[in-house]
PDB file of N, CA and C in Angstrom:
ATOM      1  N   MET A   1      94.950  -4.719 -24.689  1.00  0.00           N
ATOM      2  CA  MET A   1      95.085  -3.277 -24.687  1.00  0.00           C
ATOM      3  C   MET A   1      96.023  -2.882 -23.537  1.00  0.00           C
ATOM      4  N   PRO A   2      97.006  -2.029 -23.780  1.00  0.00           N
ATOM      5  CA  PRO A   2      97.925  -1.619 -22.708  1.00  0.00           C
ATOM      6  C   PRO A   2      97.186  -0.871 -21.606  1.00  0.00           C
ATOM      7  N   PRO A   3      97.714  -0.910 -20.395  1.00  0.00           N
ATOM      8  CA  PRO A   3      97.074  -0.192 -19.286  1.00  0.00           C
ATOM      9  C   PRO A   3      96.896   1.290 -19.600  1.00  0.00           C
ATOM     10  N   GLY A   4      95.769   1.827 -19.189  1.00  0.00           N
ATOM     11  CA  GLY A   4      95.510   3.249 -19.379  1.00  0.00           C
ATOM     12  C   GLY A   4      94.980   3.635 -20.749  1.00  0.00           C
ATOM     13  N   THR A   5      94.737   2.651 -21.626  1.00  0.00           N
ATOM     14  CA  THR A   5      94.259   2.985 -22.974  1.00  0.00           C
ATOM     15  C   THR A   5      92.789   2.654 -23.166  1.00  0.00           C
ATOM     16  N   ASP A   6      92.096   2.283 -22.106  1.00  0.00           N
ATOM     17  CA  ASP A   6      90.689   1.907 -22.228  1.00  0.00           C
ATOM     18  C   ASP A   6      89.743   3.075 -21.953  1.00  0.00           C
ATOM     19  N   ILE A   7      90.244   4.300 -22.055  1.00  0.00           N
ATOM     20  CA  ILE A   7      89.432   5.490 -21.832  1.00  0.00           C
ATOM     21  C   ILE A   7      88.484   5.683 -23.011  1.00  0.00           C
ATOM     22  N   GLU A   8      87.220   5.911 -22.698  1.00  0.00           N
ATOM     23  CA  GLU A   8      86.209   6.164 -23.735  1.00  0.00           C
ATOM     24  C   GLU A   8      86.504   7.487 -24.416  1.00  0.00           C
ATOM     25  N   HIS A   9      86.603   7.477 -25.728  1.00  0.00           N
ATOM     26  CA  HIS A   9      86.953   8.689 -26.471  1.00  0.00           C
ATOM     27  C   HIS A   9      85.750   9.525 -26.869  1.00  0.00           C
ATOM     28  N   GLY A  10      84.577   8.952 -26.995  1.00  0.00           N
ATOM     29  CA  GLY A  10      83.375   9.709 -27.307  1.00  0.00           C
ATOM     30  C   GLY A  10      83.148  10.007 -28.776  1.00  0.00           C
ATOM     31  N   VAL A  11      84.079   9.631 -29.650  1.00  0.00           N
ATOM     32  CA  VAL A  11      83.893   9.860 -31.086  1.00  0.00           C
ATOM     33  C   VAL A  11      83.026   8.738 -31.632  1.00  0.00           C
ATOM     34  N   ARG A  12      81.992   9.108 -32.360  1.00  0.00           N
ATOM     35  CA  ARG A  12      81.071   8.138 -32.947  1.00  0.00           C
ATOM     36  C   ARG A  12      81.153   8.210 -34.468  1.00  0.00           C
ATOM     37  N   CYS A  13      81.221   7.041 -35.082  1.00  0.00           N
ATOM     38  CA  CYS A  13      81.284   6.945 -36.538  1.00  0.00           C
ATOM     39  C   CYS A  13      79.892   6.599 -37.066  1.00  0.00           C
ATOM     40  N   HIS A  14      79.502   7.277 -38.125  1.00  0.00           N
ATOM     41  CA  HIS A  14      78.170   7.077 -38.714  1.00  0.00           C
ATOM     42  C   HIS A  14      78.256   6.395 -40.074  1.00  0.00           C
ATOM     43  N   LEU A  15      79.257   5.532 -40.217  1.00  0.00           N
ATOM     44  CA  LEU A  15      79.473   4.851 -41.491  1.00  0.00           C
ATOM     45  C   LEU A  15      78.290   3.980 -41.880  1.00  0.00           C
ATOM     46  N   ASP A  16      77.694   3.278 -40.911  1.00  0.00           N
ATOM     47  CA  ASP A  16      76.522   2.435 -41.197  1.00  0.00           C
ATOM     48  C   ASP A  16      75.403   3.232 -41.867  1.00  0.00           C
ATOM     49  N   GLN A  17      75.075   4.366 -41.274  1.00  0.00           N
ATOM     50  CA  GLN A  17      73.984   5.179 -41.798  1.00  0.00           C
ATOM     51  C   GLN A  17      74.315   5.718 -43.202  1.00  0.00           C
ATOM     52  N   LEU A  18      75.552   6.147 -43.393  1.00  0.00           N
ATOM     53  CA  LEU A  18      75.951   6.674 -44.697  1.00  0.00           C
ATOM     54  C   LEU A  18      75.913   5.586 -45.763  1.00  0.00           C
ATOM     55  N   LEU A  19      76.393   4.394 -45.427  1.00  0.00           N
ATOM     56  CA  LEU A  19      76.355   3.292 -46.386  1.00  0.00           C
ATOM     57  C   LEU A  19      74.912   2.922 -46.733  1.00  0.00           C
ATOM     58  N   GLU A  20      74.073   2.827 -45.714  1.00  0.00           N
ATOM     59  CA  GLU A  20      72.669   2.466 -45.945  1.00  0.00           C
ATOM     60  C   GLU A  20      71.972   3.494 -46.834  1.00  0.00           C
ATOM     61  N   SER A  21      72.195   4.764 -46.554  1.00  0.00           N
ATOM     62  CA  SER A  21      71.518   5.802 -47.338  1.00  0.00           C
ATOM     63  C   SER A  21      72.010   5.846 -48.785  1.00  0.00           C
ATOM     64  N   ARG A  22      73.176   5.274 -49.037  1.00  0.00           N
ATOM     65  CA  ARG A  22      73.732   5.268 -50.391  1.00  0.00           C
ATOM     66  C   ARG A  22      73.606   3.899 -51.064  1.00  0.00           C
ATOM     67  N   GLY A  23      73.021   2.952 -50.353  1.00  0.00           N
ATOM     68  CA  GLY A  23      72.835   1.615 -50.913  1.00  0.00           C
ATOM     69  C   GLY A  23      74.158   0.932 -51.222  1.00  0.00           C
ATOM     70  N   MET A  24      75.141   1.138 -50.360  1.00  0.00           N
ATOM     71  CA  MET A  24      76.483   0.605 -50.594  1.00  0.00           C
ATOM     72  C   MET A  24      76.852  -0.361 -49.483  1.00  0.00           C
ATOM     73  N   THR A  25      77.608  -1.395 -49.821  1.00  0.00           N
ATOM     74  CA  THR A  25      78.087  -2.337 -48.817  1.00  0.00           C
ATOM     75  C   THR A  25      79.472  -1.928 -48.331  1.00  0.00           C
ATOM     76  N   LEU A  26      79.842  -2.453 -47.187  1.00  0.00           N
ATOM     77  CA  LEU A  26      81.169  -2.201 -46.648  1.00  0.00           C
ATOM     78  C   LEU A  26      82.232  -2.781 -47.588  1.00  0.00           C
ATOM     79  N   ALA A  27      81.929  -3.928 -48.188  1.00  0.00           N
ATOM     80  CA  ALA A  27      82.871  -4.549 -49.128  1.00  0.00           C
ATOM     81  C   ALA A  27      83.104  -3.657 -50.346  1.00  0.00           C
ATOM     82  N   ARG A  28      82.052  -3.065 -50.870  1.00  0.00           N
ATOM     83  CA  ARG A  28      82.193  -2.175 -52.029  1.00  0.00           C
ATOM     84  C   ARG A  28      82.962  -0.913 -51.645  1.00  0.00           C
ATOM     85  N   LEU A  29      82.671  -0.357 -50.479  1.00  0.00           N
ATOM     86  CA  LEU A  29      83.399   0.818 -50.021  1.00  0.00           C
ATOM     87  C   LEU A  29      84.881   0.486 -49.877  1.00  0.00           C
ATOM     88  N   SER A  30      85.179  -0.689 -49.364  1.00  0.00           N
ATOM     89  CA  SER A  30      86.558  -1.131 -49.218  1.00  0.00           C
ATOM     90  C   SER A  30      87.281  -1.123 -50.565  1.00  0.00           C
ATOM     91  N   GLU A  31      86.635  -1.642 -51.579  1.00  0.00           N
ATOM     92  CA  GLU A  31      87.217  -1.655 -52.927  1.00  0.00           C
ATOM     93  C   GLU A  31      87.489  -0.242 -53.430  1.00  0.00           C
ATOM     94  N   LEU A  32      86.528   0.641 -53.239  1.00  0.00           N
ATOM     95  CA  LEU A  32      86.631   1.997 -53.771  1.00  0.00           C
ATOM     96  C   LEU A  32      87.645   2.856 -53.024  1.00  0.00           C
ATOM     97  N   VAL A  33      87.764   2.629 -51.706  1.00  0.00           N
ATOM     98  CA  VAL A  33      88.635   3.455 -50.883  1.00  0.00           C
ATOM     99  C   VAL A  33      90.049   2.872 -50.797  1.00  0.00           C
ATOM    100  N   GLY A  34      90.160   1.554 -50.948  1.00  0.00           N
ATOM    101  CA  GLY A  34      91.468   0.922 -50.837  1.00  0.00           C
ATOM    102  C   GLY A  34      91.873   0.651 -49.402  1.00  0.00           C
ATOM    103  N   VAL A  35      90.882   0.427 -48.550  1.00  0.00           N
ATOM    104  CA  VAL A  35      91.100   0.090 -47.144  1.00  0.00           C
ATOM    105  C   VAL A  35      90.407  -1.245 -46.908  1.00  0.00           C
ATOM    106  N   SER A  36      91.028  -2.112 -46.130  1.00  0.00           N
ATOM    107  CA  SER A  36      90.460  -3.437 -45.913  1.00  0.00           C
ATOM    108  C   SER A  36      89.096  -3.368 -45.228  1.00  0.00           C
ATOM    109  N   VAL A  37      88.289  -4.385 -45.497  1.00  0.00           N
ATOM    110  CA  VAL A  37      86.978  -4.488 -44.845  1.00  0.00           C
ATOM    111  C   VAL A  37      87.172  -4.545 -43.332  1.00  0.00           C
ATOM    112  N   ALA A  38      88.201  -5.253 -42.881  1.00  0.00           N
ATOM    113  CA  ALA A  38      88.459  -5.366 -41.441  1.00  0.00           C
ATOM    114  C   ALA A  38      88.728  -3.993 -40.827  1.00  0.00           C
ATOM    115  N   ASN A  39      89.541  -3.182 -41.480  1.00  0.00           N
ATOM    116  CA  ASN A  39      89.832  -1.853 -40.940  1.00  0.00           C
ATOM    117  C   ASN A  39      88.610  -0.946 -40.986  1.00  0.00           C
ATOM    118  N   LEU A  40      87.813  -1.038 -42.037  1.00  0.00           N
ATOM    119  CA  LEU A  40      86.575  -0.249 -42.091  1.00  0.00           C
ATOM    120  C   LEU A  40      85.600  -0.707 -41.010  1.00  0.00           C
ATOM    121  N   SER A  41      85.582  -1.987 -40.736  1.00  0.00           N
ATOM    122  CA  SER A  41      84.707  -2.518 -39.691  1.00  0.00           C
ATOM    123  C   SER A  41      85.106  -1.984 -38.321  1.00  0.00           C
ATOM    124  N   VAL A  42      86.404  -1.902 -38.062  1.00  0.00           N
ATOM    125  CA  VAL A  42      86.894  -1.326 -36.805  1.00  0.00           C
ATOM    126  C   VAL A  42      86.418   0.121 -36.686  1.00  0.00           C
ATOM    127  N   LEU A  43      86.510   0.859 -37.769  1.00  0.00           N
ATOM    128  CA  LEU A  43      86.060   2.251 -37.785  1.00  0.00           C
ATOM    129  C   LEU A  43      84.551   2.325 -37.552  1.00  0.00           C
ATOM    130  N   LYS A  44      83.811   1.528 -38.288  1.00  0.00           N
ATOM    131  CA  LYS A  44      82.347   1.523 -38.229  1.00  0.00           C
ATOM    132  C   LYS A  44      81.831   1.173 -36.837  1.00  0.00           C
ATOM    133  N   ASN A  45      82.547   0.315 -36.141  1.00  0.00           N
ATOM    134  CA  ASN A  45      82.111  -0.145 -34.819  1.00  0.00           C
ATOM    135  C   ASN A  45      82.713   0.659 -33.674  1.00  0.00           C
ATOM    136  N   ASP A  46      83.224   1.862 -34.000  1.00  0.00           N
ATOM    137  CA  ASP A  46      83.766   2.788 -32.999  1.00  0.00           C
ATOM    138  C   ASP A  46      84.916   2.200 -32.190  1.00  0.00           C
ATOM    139  N   ARG A  47      85.710   1.341 -32.823  1.00  0.00           N
ATOM    140  CA  ARG A  47      86.860   0.763 -32.137  1.00  0.00           C
ATOM    141  C   ARG A  47      88.181   1.323 -32.656  1.00  0.00           C
ATOM    142  N   ALA A  48      88.134   2.210 -33.633  1.00  0.00           N
ATOM    143  CA  ALA A  48      89.364   2.777 -34.200  1.00  0.00           C
ATOM    144  C   ALA A  48      89.999   3.734 -33.205  1.00  0.00           C
ATOM    145  N   ARG A  49      91.309   3.703 -33.149  1.00  0.00           N
ATOM    146  CA  ARG A  49      92.051   4.609 -32.275  1.00  0.00           C
ATOM    147  C   ARG A  49      92.661   5.748 -33.064  1.00  0.00           C
ATOM    148  N   ALA A  50      92.740   5.597 -34.387  1.00  0.00           N
ATOM    149  CA  ALA A  50      93.307   6.633 -35.250  1.00  0.00           C
ATOM    150  C   ALA A  50      92.789   6.409 -36.664  1.00  0.00           C
ATOM    151  N   VAL A  51      92.739   7.492 -37.425  1.00  0.00           N
ATOM    152  CA  VAL A  51      92.336   7.415 -38.825  1.00  0.00           C
ATOM    153  C   VAL A  51      93.260   8.333 -39.619  1.00  0.00           C
ATOM    154  N   ARG A  52      93.806   7.831 -40.693  1.00  0.00           N
ATOM    155  CA  ARG A  52      94.672   8.650 -41.548  1.00  0.00           C
ATOM    156  C   ARG A  52      93.829   9.691 -42.284  1.00  0.00           C
ATOM    157  N   PHE A  53      94.404  10.873 -42.454  1.00  0.00           N
ATOM    158  CA  PHE A  53      93.710  11.912 -43.212  1.00  0.00           C
ATOM    159  C   PHE A  53      93.436  11.444 -44.633  1.00  0.00           C
ATOM    160  N   SER A  54      94.340  10.680 -45.210  1.00  0.00           N
ATOM    161  CA  SER A  54      94.122  10.181 -46.579  1.00  0.00           C
ATOM    162  C   SER A  54      92.915   9.243 -46.624  1.00  0.00           C
ATOM    163  N   THR A  55      92.715   8.463 -45.564  1.00  0.00           N
ATOM    164  CA  THR A  55      91.543   7.585 -45.492  1.00  0.00           C
ATOM    165  C   THR A  55      90.279   8.408 -45.330  1.00  0.00           C
ATOM    166  N   LEU A  56      90.311   9.419 -44.465  1.00  0.00           N
ATOM    167  CA  LEU A  56      89.158  10.302 -44.299  1.00  0.00           C
ATOM    168  C   LEU A  56      88.794  10.983 -45.612  1.00  0.00           C
ATOM    169  N   THR A  57      89.803  11.475 -46.300  1.00  0.00           N
ATOM    170  CA  THR A  57      89.564  12.147 -47.578  1.00  0.00           C
ATOM    171  C   THR A  57      88.923  11.200 -48.576  1.00  0.00           C
ATOM    172  N   ALA A  58      89.440   9.985 -48.661  1.00  0.00           N
ATOM    173  CA  ALA A  58      88.892   8.996 -49.597  1.00  0.00           C
ATOM    174  C   ALA A  58      87.459   8.621 -49.221  1.00  0.00           C
ATOM    175  N   LEU A  59      87.198   8.408 -47.932  1.00  0.00           N
ATOM    176  CA  LEU A  59      85.847   8.071 -47.495  1.00  0.00           C
ATOM    177  C   LEU A  59      84.869   9.188 -47.840  1.00  0.00           C
ATOM    178  N   CYS A  60      85.253  10.422 -47.546  1.00  0.00           N
ATOM    179  CA  CYS A  60      84.365  11.558 -47.826  1.00  0.00           C
ATOM    180  C   CYS A  60      84.148  11.735 -49.327  1.00  0.00           C
ATOM    181  N   ARG A  61      85.194  11.514 -50.110  1.00  0.00           N
ATOM    182  CA  ARG A  61      85.057  11.639 -51.567  1.00  0.00           C
ATOM    183  C   ARG A  61      84.083  10.584 -52.109  1.00  0.00           C
ATOM    184  N   ILE A  62      84.266   9.329 -51.711  1.00  0.00           N
ATOM    185  CA  ILE A  62      83.428   8.238 -52.209  1.00  0.00           C
ATOM    186  C   ILE A  62      81.997   8.361 -51.701  1.00  0.00           C
ATOM    187  N   LEU A  63      81.839   8.717 -50.434  1.00  0.00           N
ATOM    188  CA  LEU A  63      80.499   8.816 -49.842  1.00  0.00           C
ATOM    189  C   LEU A  63      79.840  10.174 -50.086  1.00  0.00           C
ATOM    190  N   GLU A  64      80.595  11.086 -50.710  1.00  0.00           N
ATOM    191  CA  GLU A  64      80.096  12.436 -50.993  1.00  0.00           C
ATOM    192  C   GLU A  64      79.546  13.078 -49.726  1.00  0.00           C
ATOM    193  N   CYS A  65      80.413  13.150 -48.716  1.00  0.00           N
ATOM    194  CA  CYS A  65      80.020  13.722 -47.432  1.00  0.00           C
ATOM    195  C   CYS A  65      81.174  14.535 -46.864  1.00  0.00           C
ATOM    196  N   ASP A  66      80.916  15.181 -45.746  1.00  0.00           N
ATOM    197  CA  ASP A  66      81.948  15.900 -45.010  1.00  0.00           C
ATOM    198  C   ASP A  66      82.349  15.067 -43.797  1.00  0.00           C
ATOM    199  N   VAL A  67      83.482  15.393 -43.215  1.00  0.00           N
ATOM    200  CA  VAL A  67      83.953  14.678 -42.027  1.00  0.00           C
ATOM    201  C   VAL A  67      82.898  14.729 -40.924  1.00  0.00           C
ATOM    202  N   GLY A  68      82.202  15.856 -40.789  1.00  0.00           N
ATOM    203  CA  GLY A  68      81.159  16.002 -39.779  1.00  0.00           C
ATOM    204  C   GLY A  68      79.955  15.110 -40.023  1.00  0.00           C
ATOM    205  N   ASP A  69      79.773  14.647 -41.252  1.00  0.00           N
ATOM    206  CA  ASP A  69      78.713  13.696 -41.550  1.00  0.00           C
ATOM    207  C   ASP A  69      79.129  12.291 -41.124  1.00  0.00           C
ATOM    208  N   LEU A  70      80.424  12.045 -41.165  1.00  0.00           N
ATOM    209  CA  LEU A  70      80.972  10.728 -40.873  1.00  0.00           C
ATOM    210  C   LEU A  70      81.193  10.513 -39.371  1.00  0.00           C
ATOM    211  N   PHE A  71      81.538  11.591 -38.662  1.00  0.00           N
ATOM    212  CA  PHE A  71      81.837  11.496 -37.231  1.00  0.00           C
ATOM    213  C   PHE A  71      81.098  12.554 -36.431  1.00  0.00           C
ATOM    214  N   SER A  72      80.822  12.206 -35.190  1.00  0.00           N
ATOM    215  CA  SER A  72      80.332  13.178 -34.210  1.00  0.00           C
ATOM    216  C   SER A  72      80.991  12.850 -32.879  1.00  0.00           C
ATOM    217  N   VAL A  73      80.881  13.773 -31.927  1.00  0.00           N
ATOM    218  CA  VAL A  73      81.463  13.568 -30.603  1.00  0.00           C
ATOM    219  C   VAL A  73      80.340  13.576 -29.574  1.00  0.00           C
ATOM    220  N   ASP A  74      80.344  12.555 -28.741  1.00  0.00           N
ATOM    221  CA  ASP A  74      79.383  12.438 -27.645  1.00  0.00           C
ATOM    222  C   ASP A  74      80.093  12.921 -26.382  1.00  0.00           C
ATOM    223  N   TYR A  75      79.698  14.071 -25.873  1.00  0.00           N
ATOM    224  CA  TYR A  75      80.367  14.677 -24.722  1.00  0.00           C
ATOM    225  C   TYR A  75      79.855  14.152 -23.383  1.00  0.00           C
ATOM    226  N   SER A  76      78.858  13.281 -23.407  1.00  0.00           N
ATOM    227  CA  SER A  76      78.307  12.803 -22.121  1.00  0.00           C
ATOM    228  C   SER A  76      79.123  11.691 -21.515  1.00  0.00           C
TER     229      SER A  76
END
């Protein structure tokens, strides 16, 4: 990681909870959304630095949720 990029962003992804509540695997979501399992895993584990709006739209469409269901911000 380049210097100065290790700042905690505070954005939390709730993909695990959404997948569990829908009985869906990360592999199946990957197929439906068209994003690799590796990239979804980065997102799920709060290691993503950016997310395309098209990916957000696809995730929300498939998971039948809003962006606020998928992400929250921890201000502490």
